Structures are given as C-alpha cells and as structure tokens.
Amino acid sequence: MPKMKSHSATAKRFRVTRKGKVLHHKATGNHMLTKKSGSRRRRVEGMAEVASTGEQKKLKRLLGR
C-alpha cells in the first residue's frame, strides 16, 4: 500500500505539536505594520492553537496524522 501524502497547502499553514495540538499563525501580522502600534504587533506575532476540536481532527487528517 502506498504512503499517505500530506495536504501541501495545509502543511504550509499549520503545525502539530508533540502533544497533538494544531497551531496556526495569527492573522494581520504580515503587512502594513507601520500604522499598527507596537503592542498590537506583538499581540499578533507567533502561533495560536486551533480552538475547535472538530477542526483539529480535520486538519490532522489532512496532515496525515
């Protein structure tokens, strides 16, 4: 039986931690940053956990986990 391929677009946007949590990049942190305050920029940097367990299940299936 052939290996399962992970969904490339999903693999670029999400990451699974060792404990199985699915992380995504926070929105609005890419461009037009000069008009945003420093505290606002810091708030949107980094990753956050996907809130819905149903969504996490779908994403894990797409990632081949």
C-alpha atoms as a PDB file:
ATOM      1  CA  MET A   1       0.000   0.000   0.000  1.00  0.00           C
ATOM      2  CA  PRO A   2       1.402   3.466  -0.887  1.00  0.00           C
ATOM      3  CA  LYS A   3       2.241   6.081   1.711  1.00  0.00           C
ATOM      4  CA  MET A   4      -0.339   8.750   2.507  1.00  0.00           C
ATOM      5  CA  LYS A   5       0.591  12.178   1.235  1.00  0.00           C
ATOM      6  CA  SER A   6       0.017  15.194   3.441  1.00  0.00           C
ATOM      7  CA  HIS A   7      -2.015  18.069   2.017  1.00  0.00           C
ATOM      8  CA  SER A   8       0.653  20.574   0.898  1.00  0.00           C
ATOM      9  CA  ALA A   9      -1.400  23.746   1.465  1.00  0.00           C
ATOM     10  CA  THR A  10      -2.352  22.614   4.974  1.00  0.00           C
ATOM     11  CA  ALA A  11       1.245  21.673   5.779  1.00  0.00           C
ATOM     12  CA  LYS A  12       2.356  25.218   4.909  1.00  0.00           C
ATOM     13  CA  ARG A  13      -0.239  26.843   7.185  1.00  0.00           C
ATOM     14  CA  PHE A  14      -0.500  24.577  10.233  1.00  0.00           C
ATOM     15  CA  ARG A  15       1.814  22.692  12.581  1.00  0.00           C
ATOM     16  CA  VAL A  16       1.166  19.835  15.015  1.00  0.00           C
ATOM     17  CA  THR A  17       2.979  19.862  18.373  1.00  0.00           C
ATOM     18  CA  ARG A  18       4.328  16.763  20.123  1.00  0.00           C
ATOM     19  CA  LYS A  19       1.239  16.659  22.337  1.00  0.00           C
ATOM     20  CA  GLY A  20      -1.020  16.764  19.281  1.00  0.00           C
ATOM     21  CA  LYS A  21      -2.198  20.382  19.374  1.00  0.00           C
ATOM     22  CA  VAL A  22      -2.680  22.085  15.998  1.00  0.00           C
ATOM     23  CA  LEU A  23      -1.144  25.566  15.733  1.00  0.00           C
ATOM     24  CA  HIS A  24      -1.780  28.338  13.209  1.00  0.00           C
ATOM     25  CA  HIS A  25      -0.222  31.753  12.591  1.00  0.00           C
ATOM     26  CA  LYS A  26      -2.217  34.683  13.934  1.00  0.00           C
ATOM     27  CA  ALA A  27      -3.820  36.990  11.381  1.00  0.00           C
ATOM     28  CA  THR A  28      -2.927  40.603  10.371  1.00  0.00           C
ATOM     29  CA  GLY A  29       0.810  40.340  11.125  1.00  0.00           C
ATOM     30  CA  ASN A  30       2.171  40.390   7.580  1.00  0.00           C
ATOM     31  CA  HIS A  31       1.913  43.824   6.016  1.00  0.00           C
ATOM     32  CA  MET A  32       1.061  47.480   6.701  1.00  0.00           C
ATOM     33  CA  LEU A  33       2.774  47.170  10.080  1.00  0.00           C
ATOM     34  CA  THR A  34       3.867  50.835  10.292  1.00  0.00           C
ATOM     35  CA  LYS A  35       0.349  52.015  11.122  1.00  0.00           C
ATOM     36  CA  LYS A  36      -0.125  49.334  13.803  1.00  0.00           C
ATOM     37  CA  SER A  37       1.069  50.034  17.343  1.00  0.00           C
ATOM     38  CA  GLY A  38       3.873  48.017  18.914  1.00  0.00           C
ATOM     39  CA  SER A  39       1.580  46.321  21.391  1.00  0.00           C
ATOM     40  CA  ARG A  40      -0.774  45.342  18.576  1.00  0.00           C
ATOM     41  CA  ARG A  41       2.122  43.941  16.528  1.00  0.00           C
ATOM     42  CA  ARG A  42       3.355  41.918  19.494  1.00  0.00           C
ATOM     43  CA  ARG A  43      -0.142  40.579  20.108  1.00  0.00           C
ATOM     44  CA  VAL A  44      -0.406  39.154  16.574  1.00  0.00           C
ATOM     45  CA  GLU A  45       3.085  37.620  16.354  1.00  0.00           C
ATOM     46  CA  GLY A  46       3.639  33.910  16.795  1.00  0.00           C
ATOM     47  CA  MET A  47       1.287  30.978  16.753  1.00  0.00           C
ATOM     48  CA  ALA A  48      -2.031  30.146  18.409  1.00  0.00           C
ATOM     49  CA  GLU A  49      -3.889  26.893  18.959  1.00  0.00           C
ATOM     50  CA  VAL A  50      -6.820  25.967  16.720  1.00  0.00           C
ATOM     51  CA  ALA A  51      -9.800  26.306  19.051  1.00  0.00           C
ATOM     52  CA  SER A  52     -12.297  23.786  17.674  1.00  0.00           C
ATOM     53  CA  THR A  53     -11.594  20.106  18.298  1.00  0.00           C
ATOM     54  CA  GLY A  54     -13.546  19.232  15.158  1.00  0.00           C
ATOM     55  CA  GLU A  55     -11.300  21.475  13.086  1.00  0.00           C
ATOM     56  CA  GLN A  56      -8.228  19.947  14.710  1.00  0.00           C
ATOM     57  CA  LYS A  57      -9.451  16.485  13.717  1.00  0.00           C
ATOM     58  CA  LYS A  58      -9.926  17.576  10.079  1.00  0.00           C
ATOM     59  CA  LEU A  59      -6.510  19.253   9.944  1.00  0.00           C
ATOM     60  CA  LYS A  60      -4.743  16.234  11.421  1.00  0.00           C
ATOM     61  CA  ARG A  61      -6.329  14.041   8.762  1.00  0.00           C
ATOM     62  CA  LEU A  62      -5.109  16.428   6.043  1.00  0.00           C
ATOM     63  CA  LEU A  63      -1.631  16.404   7.565  1.00  0.00           C
ATOM     64  CA  GLY A  64      -1.577  12.606   7.598  1.00  0.00           C
ATOM     65  CA  ARG A  65      -1.542  12.144  11.381  1.00  0.00           C
END
